[in-house]
Amino acid sequence: MQENKNVQNDASREQSLEEMSEILRVRREKLEELKSTGKNPFTITTYERTTTAKEIVDNFETMEGQEVAIAGRMMSCRKMGKASFLDVRDASGRIQIYARLDGVGEENYKEFKKWDIGDIIGVEGTAFRTQKGEISVKASALKLLSKSLQPLPEKWHGLKDTELRYRQRYVDLIVNPDVKDTFVKRSMIIREIRNYLDSRGYLEVETPVLHTQAGGASARPFITHHNALDIDMYLRIALELHLKRLIVGGFDKVYEIGRVFRNEGIDVRHNPEFTLLELYEAYTDYHGMMDLCENLIRHVAKAVLGSAQICYNGIEIDLEKPFERLSMVDAVKKYADVDFSTVKTLEEARALAKEHHVEYEEHHLKGDILNLFFEQFVEEKLVQPTFLMDHPVEISPLAKRKPEDPDYTERFELFIVGREHANAFSELNDPIDQRSRFERQAQLKAAGDEEACDIDNDFINALEYGMPPTGGIGIGIDRLIMLLTDSYSIRDVLLFPTMKPLRQAGKEEDEE
C-alpha cells in the first residue's frame, strides 16, 4: 500500500515539475524576445513615481483626474480584446489599472498583452472611478520594469506550504499582505520601545556579539574560531554582563536591542537567534523594573494597536489592568497545593517531588525542585499578565538575595498566555557572592551541564570597583511581537527564521 502511495506521489511530482518546466521555458522565451528587440527590462535603472496606490485611494477626492505615475507588481490581469483590467500592488497596497488600446497605443498594448502575472511594471495615467465605483488609474502608458521568471503560487496554504513560506519569505510577502502587515507592526513595536526608553533618559548602546566566554544566562552557546587570535569565541547568549560593566563605569540608564544566539532546540517559541531587549538602571530594584516593564508594554500596545485590550489565539488579554504579582512559592501553593515555605531540607523537597511525580536530577537542590514544580503545575496557567517573583537562589546566579530570606532572590519573570516574556532582577553587585555563584555554575558545567555559565573574572573585577544598586530586565522582543500581532509561532514574526537546508529537509520528508 505504501509502495503504491509512493509511486503516485512520484508521478504527481514529475507532472508538476513538467508543468513548471514549461511555464519557466515560456517566460524565459519571452525574456529572450524582449532582449532581441532591444527592450530588456533588466537594463532599466530607474522609474520616476509621483505617488503610491494608497495615496491615490486615501486622497482620491483631490487627486481625481490628476496625472499620476506608480510602479508595482502585477498581481492579476483580465485581458480582453481592446481593454484590460489589472491589479498592481506596491509597498503601500493595491490599485486597479484600466488599460485600453486607444489609451496606451497599439504598440504598447500589444507588448502589455505578453506580460505575465508577477511582472513589475510602471503605469502612467489619470486617477478615476469606474462605473462600479472602484478607484482606479486609467493608463496612458505602461512600462515593463522587471520580468518575473517564476510564476506566483496560486495556492499558498497548508502545512507544507507553511514550511515553504518560511523558506521563501520573499514570495510569502508578495502573495500574503497580512504577513507584510505583521512585519510592519514589528518595526513599529521596536521603534516605540526605543521612543519610550529614549524619552526617559535611557542611552542605547552596542556591545560585542563575539565573546571570549559564554555568560549572562544559562544557555548552550554557539562556538566559532577567531583565526588571527587563534582562539575559540562564543556568539553571545545574553547582553547582560557588558551592560552592567557600563553601570559600573558611570552610566545610570543603558539599554540594547540586539540579536543573541543560543544553540538549542527549535519550536514555536524558540529560534536559535532571536532579538532581546536588555536595560539596566542604577539606584532602583526589581520593583522599579516591574513598573517599567508594565508601563512599557502597555504604552507599546496602545501606540501600535490603539488599545491595551488584545486578543491572542482567541484569548482576551487585558494589558490595561495592573499586572498580578505572585511569588513562586505562593504560585506553587496556589496551583499545586504544595507549600514550599515549610520545606526546610533537600530530602523533604525530593520526597514531595516523588509524591507529585516531578522528575528531578541528582544535582538539583531544593530551589531547583521548587522551579520544577512551577514549570509542571503553574506556568501554563498564568494567562493574564503576571509577574512571577522571588525565585530561589539556585536558579538565579545573577540576582540579589532577598535580605529577609536569602534562600530567594529579588527576581521576577513576566508570564502572559503561559509564556515567559521578561526576566528581571535586583542585580547582584556583591563580587564575593557573585564569584561563589559562578563557581557553582562552573561545577555544574564540569559535571556535564552545557547550559551552565563560566566564571567571568573580568566581570567580577568590575564589580570589585563597585556597582550601585541596580535593576535590570531582559524582554524577548520576538515573543512580545507574537503577543501583539496574534502570531502562533516565532517563525511568523522572524523574516528569515532558521531552517534546515532544503536538501536535508526534503530527504527527511521522503523518509517519513
Protein backbone atom coordinates (compact mmCIF):
# COMPACT_ATOMS: atom_id res chain seq x y z
CA MET A 1 0.00 0.00 0.00
CA GLN A 2 2.79 2.40 0.99
CA GLU A 3 4.67 1.48 -2.20
CA ASN A 4 1.64 2.43 -4.35
CA LYS A 5 1.34 5.71 -2.49
CA ASN A 6 5.00 6.49 -3.12
CA VAL A 7 4.56 5.72 -6.84
CA GLN A 8 1.57 8.06 -7.01
CA ASN A 9 3.49 10.81 -5.22
CA ASP A 10 6.45 10.40 -7.57
CA ALA A 11 4.18 10.57 -10.62
CA SER A 12 2.41 13.66 -9.31
CA ARG A 13 5.73 15.30 -8.55
CA GLU A 14 7.07 14.57 -12.04
CA GLN A 15 3.93 16.01 -13.63
CA SER A 16 4.20 19.16 -11.51
CA LEU A 17 7.84 19.52 -12.48
CA GLU A 18 6.98 19.13 -16.17
CA GLU A 19 4.26 21.78 -15.91
CA MET A 20 6.59 24.10 -14.02
CA SER A 21 9.33 23.48 -16.54
CA GLU A 22 7.01 24.51 -19.37
CA ILE A 23 6.00 27.72 -17.57
CA LEU A 24 9.62 28.59 -16.89
CA ARG A 25 10.55 27.89 -20.50
CA VAL A 26 7.80 30.17 -21.85
CA ARG A 27 8.76 33.02 -19.52
CA ARG A 28 12.40 32.77 -20.50
CA GLU A 29 11.46 32.75 -24.17
CA LYS A 30 9.53 35.97 -23.60
CA LEU A 31 12.60 37.49 -21.97
CA GLU A 32 14.79 36.47 -24.90
CA GLU A 33 12.29 38.04 -27.31
CA LEU A 34 12.43 41.29 -25.34
CA LYS A 35 16.22 41.23 -25.44
CA SER A 36 16.25 40.60 -29.20
CA THR A 37 14.10 43.69 -29.79
CA GLY A 38 16.25 45.88 -27.54
CA LYS A 39 13.71 46.02 -24.70
CA ASN A 40 15.47 44.04 -21.99
CA PRO A 41 13.72 45.18 -18.77
CA PHE A 42 16.77 44.32 -16.67
CA THR A 43 18.69 47.21 -18.20
CA ILE A 44 16.23 49.75 -16.73
CA THR A 45 17.80 51.52 -13.75
CA THR A 46 15.07 53.88 -12.53
CA TYR A 47 11.43 54.83 -12.85
CA GLU A 48 10.02 58.14 -11.62
CA ARG A 49 6.95 57.64 -9.47
CA THR A 50 4.76 60.52 -8.40
CA THR A 51 2.58 58.73 -5.85
CA THR A 52 1.56 55.37 -4.39
CA ALA A 53 -1.53 53.20 -4.57
CA LYS A 54 -2.55 54.09 -1.01
CA GLU A 55 -2.13 57.82 -1.58
CA ILE A 56 -4.45 57.67 -4.60
CA VAL A 57 -7.12 55.78 -2.66
CA ASP A 58 -6.82 57.88 0.52
CA ASN A 59 -6.76 61.23 -1.32
CA PHE A 60 -8.98 60.46 -4.28
CA GLU A 61 -11.23 63.49 -3.82
CA THR A 62 -8.29 65.80 -4.50
CA MET A 63 -6.45 63.53 -6.94
CA GLU A 64 -9.34 62.56 -9.22
CA GLY A 65 -8.44 63.43 -12.80
CA GLN A 66 -4.81 64.15 -11.94
CA GLU A 67 -1.88 62.65 -13.84
CA VAL A 68 -0.11 60.02 -11.76
CA ALA A 69 2.77 57.60 -12.16
CA ILE A 70 3.02 54.47 -9.99
CA ALA A 71 5.03 51.25 -10.10
CA GLY A 72 4.47 47.82 -8.61
CA ARG A 73 3.89 44.14 -9.22
CA MET A 74 1.08 42.96 -11.49
CA MET A 75 -0.91 40.58 -9.28
CA SER A 76 -3.83 39.78 -11.57
CA CYS A 77 -4.97 40.65 -15.06
CA ARG A 78 -8.19 40.26 -17.03
CA LYS A 79 -7.07 40.74 -20.61
CA MET A 80 -9.78 41.39 -23.17
CA GLY A 81 -9.72 42.43 -26.78
CA LYS A 82 -9.12 46.17 -26.64
CA ALA A 83 -9.37 46.77 -22.89
CA SER A 84 -7.97 45.09 -19.79
CA PHE A 85 -8.19 45.39 -16.02
CA LEU A 86 -5.18 44.58 -13.88
CA ASP A 87 -4.28 44.86 -10.22
CA VAL A 88 -0.95 46.40 -9.30
CA ARG A 89 0.47 46.19 -5.78
CA ASP A 90 3.21 48.46 -4.49
CA ALA A 91 4.64 48.76 -0.99
CA SER A 92 1.59 50.74 0.17
CA GLY A 93 -1.18 48.47 -1.16
CA ARG A 94 -3.05 47.61 -4.36
CA ILE A 95 -4.90 49.57 -7.00
CA GLN A 96 -6.79 48.67 -10.16
CA ILE A 97 -5.43 49.74 -13.55
CA TYR A 98 -7.69 50.20 -16.59
CA ALA A 99 -5.74 49.85 -19.83
CA ARG A 100 -7.30 50.44 -23.26
CA LEU A 101 -5.69 50.03 -26.66
CA ASP A 102 -6.68 53.56 -27.68
CA GLY A 103 -5.42 54.89 -24.35
CA VAL A 104 -1.87 53.49 -24.35
CA GLY A 105 -1.41 53.00 -28.08
CA GLU A 106 -1.49 49.90 -30.25
CA GLU A 107 2.21 49.03 -29.87
CA ASN A 108 2.23 49.48 -26.07
CA TYR A 109 -0.96 47.45 -25.68
CA LYS A 110 0.42 44.66 -27.85
CA GLU A 111 3.54 44.47 -25.66
CA PHE A 112 1.49 44.55 -22.47
CA LYS A 113 -0.61 41.54 -23.52
CA LYS A 114 2.56 39.40 -23.47
CA TRP A 115 3.41 40.31 -19.89
CA ASP A 116 2.89 37.83 -17.01
CA ILE A 117 1.46 37.87 -13.53
CA GLY A 118 4.30 38.80 -11.22
CA ASP A 119 5.98 41.20 -13.63
CA ILE A 120 6.92 44.58 -12.17
CA ILE A 121 5.50 47.43 -14.21
CA GLY A 122 5.23 51.20 -14.31
CA VAL A 123 1.92 52.91 -15.06
CA GLU A 124 1.25 56.49 -16.12
CA GLY A 125 -2.34 57.70 -16.28
CA THR A 126 -5.12 59.55 -14.51
CA ALA A 127 -6.93 58.72 -11.30
CA PHE A 128 -10.61 57.96 -11.87
CA ARG A 129 -13.51 55.93 -10.55
CA THR A 130 -15.04 53.11 -12.61
CA GLN A 131 -18.75 52.70 -13.23
CA LYS A 132 -18.78 50.14 -10.42
CA GLY A 133 -17.26 52.73 -8.10
CA GLU A 134 -13.74 51.35 -7.77
CA ILE A 135 -10.92 53.87 -7.54
CA SER A 136 -8.52 53.12 -10.39
CA VAL A 137 -5.90 54.53 -12.74
CA LYS A 138 -6.75 54.92 -16.43
CA ALA A 139 -3.44 54.10 -18.11
CA SER A 140 -1.86 56.32 -20.76
CA ALA A 141 1.44 54.41 -20.79
CA LEU A 142 2.64 51.05 -19.48
CA LYS A 143 6.26 50.04 -18.99
CA LEU A 144 7.79 46.68 -18.12
CA LEU A 145 10.40 47.35 -15.40
CA SER A 146 11.38 43.81 -14.38
CA LYS A 147 10.47 40.34 -15.65
CA SER A 148 9.24 37.64 -13.29
CA LEU A 149 10.73 34.36 -14.46
CA GLN A 150 8.99 32.37 -11.71
CA PRO A 151 5.19 32.13 -11.51
CA LEU A 152 3.48 33.25 -8.32
CA PRO A 153 1.77 30.39 -6.44
CA GLU A 154 -1.97 30.14 -6.92
CA LYS A 155 -2.46 28.48 -3.54
CA TRP A 156 -0.29 29.28 -0.56
CA HIS A 157 -1.61 27.40 2.45
CA GLY A 158 -1.40 24.13 4.32
CA LEU A 159 1.40 22.59 6.37
CA LYS A 160 3.91 22.03 3.58
CA ASP A 161 3.24 25.46 2.15
CA THR A 162 3.75 26.95 5.60
CA GLU A 163 7.24 25.47 5.57
CA LEU A 164 7.81 26.92 2.12
CA ARG A 165 6.56 30.33 3.27
CA TYR A 166 9.35 30.49 5.83
CA ARG A 167 11.98 29.37 3.31
CA GLN A 168 10.81 31.76 0.61
CA ARG A 169 9.68 34.71 2.66
CA TYR A 170 10.01 36.95 -0.39
CA VAL A 171 7.18 35.03 -2.09
CA ASP A 172 5.18 34.96 1.14
CA LEU A 173 5.37 38.75 1.33
CA ILE A 174 4.28 39.10 -2.29
CA VAL A 175 1.14 36.99 -2.06
CA ASN A 176 0.12 37.45 1.58
CA PRO A 177 -0.41 41.13 2.50
CA ASP A 178 -1.28 40.25 6.11
CA VAL A 179 2.22 38.80 6.55
CA LYS A 180 3.71 42.09 5.46
CA ASP A 181 1.47 43.86 7.98
CA THR A 182 2.95 41.72 10.78
CA PHE A 183 6.46 42.86 9.92
CA VAL A 184 5.38 46.48 9.59
CA LYS A 185 3.98 46.15 13.13
CA ARG A 186 7.23 44.53 14.25
CA SER A 187 9.16 47.59 13.12
CA MET A 188 6.64 49.90 14.80
CA ILE A 189 6.85 47.95 18.08
CA ILE A 190 10.64 48.17 18.20
CA ARG A 191 10.51 51.87 17.31
CA GLU A 192 8.03 52.54 20.12
CA ILE A 193 10.19 50.66 22.61
CA ARG A 194 13.08 52.93 21.66
CA ASN A 195 10.89 56.03 21.87
CA TYR A 196 9.67 55.06 25.34
CA LEU A 197 13.15 54.40 26.72
CA ASP A 198 14.83 57.36 25.00
CA SER A 199 12.20 59.73 26.37
CA ARG A 200 13.02 58.50 29.89
CA GLY A 201 16.72 59.15 29.69
CA TYR A 202 17.99 55.71 28.72
CA LEU A 203 21.04 55.58 26.46
CA GLU A 204 21.09 52.99 23.66
CA VAL A 205 24.48 51.29 23.38
CA GLU A 206 26.08 48.44 21.44
CA THR A 207 28.10 45.63 23.00
CA PRO A 208 30.14 42.80 21.42
CA VAL A 209 28.49 39.87 19.67
CA LEU A 210 31.66 37.77 19.91
CA HIS A 211 32.59 36.84 23.48
CA THR A 212 35.63 35.03 24.84
CA GLN A 213 33.37 33.12 27.22
CA ALA A 214 29.64 32.49 27.45
CA GLY A 215 27.82 34.32 30.22
CA GLY A 216 24.80 36.30 31.33
CA ALA A 217 22.35 33.41 31.01
CA SER A 218 22.01 29.67 31.29
CA ALA A 219 22.16 28.51 27.68
CA ARG A 220 24.26 26.42 25.34
CA PRO A 221 26.34 28.74 23.14
CA PHE A 222 27.44 28.64 19.52
CA ILE A 223 31.22 28.31 19.27
CA THR A 224 33.34 29.78 16.48
CA HIS A 225 37.07 30.31 15.96
CA HIS A 226 38.98 33.53 15.51
CA ASN A 227 41.82 32.75 13.12
CA ALA A 228 44.02 35.80 13.74
CA LEU A 229 43.94 35.37 17.53
CA ASP A 230 43.76 31.56 17.26
CA ILE A 231 41.12 31.34 19.99
CA ASP A 232 37.63 29.92 20.23
CA MET A 233 34.92 32.52 20.73
CA TYR A 234 31.23 32.39 21.53
CA LEU A 235 28.26 34.12 19.95
CA ARG A 236 26.64 36.00 22.82
CA ILE A 237 23.82 34.29 24.68
CA ALA A 238 22.85 37.49 26.53
CA LEU A 239 23.64 41.20 26.71
CA GLU A 240 23.80 41.42 30.47
CA LEU A 241 27.40 41.37 31.64
CA HIS A 242 28.72 44.04 29.26
CA LEU A 243 25.79 46.34 30.01
CA LYS A 244 26.38 46.03 33.77
CA ARG A 245 30.04 46.91 33.19
CA LEU A 246 28.71 50.21 31.83
CA ILE A 247 26.72 50.80 35.03
CA VAL A 248 29.99 50.27 36.93
CA GLY A 249 31.59 52.79 34.57
CA GLY A 250 29.12 55.50 35.50
CA PHE A 251 26.18 55.27 33.12
CA ASP A 252 22.89 55.40 35.04
CA LYS A 253 20.50 54.07 32.36
CA VAL A 254 21.54 51.93 29.39
CA TYR A 255 19.77 49.58 27.01
CA GLU A 256 20.50 47.47 23.97
CA ILE A 257 18.22 45.81 21.43
CA GLY A 258 20.19 43.12 19.64
CA ARG A 259 20.46 39.58 18.38
CA VAL A 260 21.54 36.85 20.76
CA PHE A 261 22.30 33.24 19.89
CA ARG A 262 21.54 30.02 21.76
CA ASN A 263 22.44 26.60 20.42
CA GLU A 264 19.20 24.96 21.47
CA GLY A 265 16.06 23.40 20.04
CA ILE A 266 13.64 24.96 17.58
CA ASP A 267 9.91 25.12 18.28
CA VAL A 268 7.03 27.60 18.13
CA ARG A 269 8.66 29.72 20.87
CA HIS A 270 12.36 29.23 20.18
CA ASN A 271 14.71 30.13 17.34
CA PRO A 272 18.50 29.79 17.64
CA GLU A 273 18.91 33.54 17.03
CA PHE A 274 16.41 35.99 18.44
CA THR A 275 16.07 39.64 19.40
CA LEU A 276 16.46 40.67 23.01
CA LEU A 277 15.99 43.96 24.84
CA GLU A 278 18.08 44.35 27.97
CA LEU A 279 18.17 47.51 30.07
CA TYR A 280 19.80 48.47 33.35
CA GLU A 281 19.10 51.37 35.68
CA ALA A 282 21.18 52.40 38.66
CA TYR A 283 19.58 53.08 42.06
CA THR A 284 16.44 51.02 41.51
CA ASP A 285 15.42 47.41 42.12
CA TYR A 286 13.18 44.73 40.67
CA HIS A 287 10.06 46.58 41.80
CA GLY A 288 11.17 49.53 39.67
CA MET A 289 11.71 47.11 36.77
CA MET A 290 8.19 45.72 37.24
CA ASP A 291 6.72 49.20 36.97
CA LEU A 292 8.81 49.99 33.90
CA CYS A 293 8.01 46.68 32.20
CA GLU A 294 4.27 47.01 32.77
CA ASN A 295 4.14 50.60 31.58
CA LEU A 296 6.37 49.92 28.58
CA ILE A 297 4.26 47.04 27.27
CA ARG A 298 1.03 48.95 27.87
CA HIS A 299 2.43 52.01 26.05
CA VAL A 300 3.61 49.97 23.05
CA ALA A 301 0.26 48.19 22.70
CA LYS A 302 -1.64 51.48 22.72
CA ALA A 303 0.79 53.23 20.38
CA VAL A 304 0.89 50.44 17.77
CA LEU A 305 -2.52 48.76 18.12
CA GLY A 306 -4.55 51.62 19.55
CA SER A 307 -5.67 49.58 22.55
CA ALA A 308 -4.31 47.76 25.59
CA GLN A 309 -7.01 45.10 25.22
CA ILE A 310 -5.72 42.49 22.80
CA CYS A 311 -6.66 39.03 21.60
CA TYR A 312 -4.17 36.18 21.37
CA ASN A 313 -5.22 32.80 19.98
CA GLY A 314 -8.82 33.58 20.83
CA ILE A 315 -7.98 34.65 24.41
CA GLU A 316 -8.77 38.19 25.55
CA ILE A 317 -5.75 39.70 27.28
CA ASP A 318 -6.11 42.91 29.29
CA LEU A 319 -2.86 44.87 29.42
CA GLU A 320 -4.62 47.87 30.95
CA LYS A 321 -5.26 46.24 34.33
CA PRO A 322 -2.43 46.21 36.89
CA PHE A 323 -0.37 43.05 36.32
CA GLU A 324 -0.74 40.44 39.05
CA ARG A 325 2.31 39.96 41.30
CA LEU A 326 2.82 36.47 42.70
CA SER A 327 5.82 34.82 44.35
CA MET A 328 6.98 31.45 43.07
CA VAL A 329 6.27 29.86 46.45
CA ASP A 330 2.74 31.29 46.52
CA ALA A 331 2.13 30.28 42.89
CA VAL A 332 3.10 26.65 43.57
CA LYS A 333 0.95 26.69 46.69
CA LYS A 334 -2.00 28.13 44.73
CA TYR A 335 -1.87 25.80 41.72
CA ALA A 336 -0.15 22.65 43.03
CA ASP A 337 -1.30 22.82 46.67
CA VAL A 338 2.29 22.36 47.82
CA ASP A 339 3.74 24.83 50.34
CA PHE A 340 7.50 25.15 49.89
CA SER A 341 7.68 27.71 52.70
CA THR A 342 7.50 24.73 55.06
CA VAL A 343 10.15 22.73 53.20
CA LYS A 344 13.46 23.03 55.06
CA THR A 345 15.68 20.32 53.58
CA LEU A 346 16.62 18.84 50.21
CA GLU A 347 15.31 15.47 51.37
CA GLU A 348 11.88 16.96 52.02
CA ALA A 349 11.87 18.58 48.59
CA ARG A 350 12.82 15.30 46.89
CA ALA A 351 10.08 13.46 48.80
CA LEU A 352 7.50 15.98 47.57
CA ALA A 353 8.78 15.63 44.02
CA LYS A 354 8.39 11.86 44.14
CA GLU A 355 4.94 12.17 45.65
CA HIS A 356 3.79 14.52 42.87
CA HIS A 357 5.65 12.73 40.05
CA VAL A 358 8.01 15.62 39.41
CA GLU A 359 11.20 14.32 37.81
CA TYR A 360 14.46 15.81 39.08
CA GLU A 361 18.17 15.12 38.61
CA GLU A 362 20.76 14.24 41.22
CA HIS A 363 22.42 17.67 41.14
CA HIS A 364 19.13 19.54 41.70
CA LEU A 365 18.86 21.36 45.02
CA LYS A 366 15.74 22.47 46.90
CA GLY A 367 15.33 25.63 44.82
CA ASP A 368 15.71 23.71 41.59
CA ILE A 369 12.92 21.36 42.63
CA LEU A 370 10.65 24.30 43.50
CA ASN A 371 11.21 25.60 39.97
CA LEU A 372 10.36 22.17 38.53
CA PHE A 373 7.06 22.28 40.42
CA PHE A 374 6.38 25.71 38.95
CA GLU A 375 7.12 24.56 35.40
CA GLN A 376 4.95 21.46 35.71
CA PHE A 377 1.93 22.82 37.60
CA VAL A 378 1.84 26.59 37.25
CA GLU A 379 3.46 28.08 34.14
CA GLU A 380 0.74 27.33 31.59
CA LYS A 381 -1.95 28.67 33.95
CA LEU A 382 -0.53 32.21 34.02
CA VAL A 383 -2.63 33.52 31.13
CA GLN A 384 -3.28 37.11 32.15
CA PRO A 385 -0.16 39.24 32.73
CA THR A 386 1.55 38.01 35.89
CA PHE A 387 4.85 38.93 37.49
CA LEU A 388 6.20 35.65 38.92
CA MET A 389 8.53 36.83 41.73
CA ASP A 390 11.16 35.77 44.20
CA HIS A 391 12.95 32.86 42.55
CA PRO A 392 15.23 30.54 44.54
CA VAL A 393 18.90 31.48 44.54
CA GLU A 394 19.90 28.15 42.93
CA ILE A 395 18.37 29.18 39.57
CA SER A 396 19.26 32.88 39.79
CA PRO A 397 23.06 33.25 39.67
CA LEU A 398 22.97 36.97 38.80
CA ALA A 399 20.17 38.19 41.10
CA LYS A 400 20.48 39.82 44.53
CA ARG A 401 19.30 37.77 47.51
CA LYS A 402 16.22 38.90 49.45
CA PRO A 403 17.58 40.41 52.67
CA GLU A 404 14.80 38.88 54.77
CA ASP A 405 15.10 35.42 53.15
CA PRO A 406 18.49 34.76 51.50
CA ASP A 407 17.36 31.44 50.01
CA TYR A 408 15.38 33.52 47.49
CA THR A 409 16.24 36.39 45.18
CA GLU A 410 14.76 39.68 44.08
CA ARG A 411 13.85 38.41 40.66
CA PHE A 412 10.74 38.22 38.51
CA GLU A 413 9.60 36.78 35.22
CA LEU A 414 6.62 38.15 33.32
CA PHE A 415 4.21 35.48 32.10
CA ILE A 416 1.39 36.10 29.62
CA VAL A 417 -0.62 33.32 27.90
CA GLY A 418 1.52 30.80 29.77
CA ARG A 419 4.76 32.07 28.24
CA GLU A 420 7.71 33.92 29.70
CA HIS A 421 8.08 37.39 28.17
CA ALA A 422 10.57 39.06 30.50
CA ASN A 423 13.16 38.25 33.16
CA ALA A 424 14.44 40.81 35.67
CA PHE A 425 16.49 41.19 38.83
CA SER A 426 17.66 43.44 41.52
CA GLU A 427 21.15 42.94 40.15
CA LEU A 428 23.73 41.17 42.28
CA ASN A 429 26.51 43.66 42.99
CA ASP A 430 28.40 41.73 45.68
CA PRO A 431 31.56 40.44 43.94
CA ILE A 432 32.24 37.82 46.61
CA ASP A 433 28.74 36.35 46.38
CA GLN A 434 28.90 36.59 42.58
CA ARG A 435 32.13 34.58 42.47
CA SER A 436 30.70 31.82 44.65
CA ARG A 437 27.63 31.54 42.40
CA PHE A 438 29.80 31.47 39.28
CA GLU A 439 31.84 28.70 40.89
CA ARG A 440 28.71 26.62 41.41
CA GLN A 441 27.81 27.16 37.75
CA ALA A 442 31.32 26.05 36.79
CA GLN A 443 30.87 22.88 38.84
CA LEU A 444 27.60 22.16 37.04
CA LYS A 445 29.32 22.72 33.70
CA ALA A 446 32.15 20.37 34.65
CA ALA A 447 29.53 17.78 35.55
CA GLY A 448 28.08 17.99 32.03
CA ASP A 449 25.55 20.84 32.16
CA GLU A 450 26.16 22.55 28.80
CA GLU A 451 23.86 25.46 29.75
CA ALA A 452 25.78 26.46 32.88
CA CYS A 453 27.85 29.65 32.56
CA ASP A 454 31.58 30.13 33.07
CA ILE A 455 33.36 32.21 35.72
CA ASP A 456 33.78 35.68 34.24
CA ASN A 457 36.75 37.03 36.18
CA ASP A 458 36.74 40.38 34.41
CA PHE A 459 33.08 40.94 35.33
CA ILE A 460 33.89 40.12 38.97
CA ASN A 461 36.80 42.54 38.74
CA ALA A 462 34.37 45.21 37.50
CA LEU A 463 32.07 44.54 40.46
CA GLU A 464 35.01 44.93 42.82
CA TYR A 465 35.26 48.57 41.70
CA GLY A 466 31.69 49.00 42.94
CA MET A 467 28.36 48.82 41.14
CA PRO A 468 25.47 50.85 42.59
CA PRO A 469 22.19 49.14 43.48
CA THR A 470 20.78 48.37 40.04
CA GLY A 471 17.63 46.99 38.45
CA GLY A 472 17.86 45.13 35.17
CA ILE A 473 15.47 43.42 32.79
CA GLY A 474 15.51 41.38 29.61
CA ILE A 475 12.44 41.30 27.35
CA GLY A 476 12.11 38.85 24.46
CA ILE A 477 11.21 41.11 21.56
CA ASP A 478 10.03 38.27 19.32
CA ARG A 479 7.62 36.86 21.90
CA LEU A 480 6.26 40.33 22.61
CA ILE A 481 5.65 40.80 18.90
CA MET A 482 3.98 37.38 18.73
CA LEU A 483 1.65 38.50 21.52
CA LEU A 484 0.80 41.87 19.97
CA THR A 485 0.30 40.52 16.44
CA ASP A 486 -1.58 37.33 17.46
CA SER A 487 1.09 35.15 15.84
CA TYR A 488 1.21 31.48 16.83
CA SER A 489 4.85 30.72 16.02
CA ILE A 490 8.05 32.68 16.46
CA ARG A 491 8.73 31.93 12.79
CA ASP A 492 5.74 34.08 11.91
CA VAL A 493 7.48 37.17 13.32
CA LEU A 494 11.00 36.48 12.01
CA LEU A 495 11.55 37.49 8.41
CA PHE A 496 14.10 34.73 7.90
CA PRO A 497 13.82 32.05 10.61
CA THR A 498 16.45 29.33 10.94
CA MET A 499 15.63 26.38 8.65
CA LYS A 500 17.25 23.08 7.78
CA PRO A 501 18.96 23.03 4.39
CA LEU A 502 16.38 22.20 1.74
CA ARG A 503 18.16 19.02 0.64
CA GLN A 504 18.25 17.71 4.19
CA ALA A 505 14.61 18.68 4.85
CA GLY A 506 13.49 17.04 1.60
CA LYS A 507 15.35 13.86 2.42
CA GLU A 508 13.68 13.65 5.82
CA GLU A 509 10.27 14.19 4.24
CA ASP A 510 10.90 11.29 1.85
CA GLU A 511 12.00 9.06 4.70
CA GLU A 512 8.82 9.86 6.61
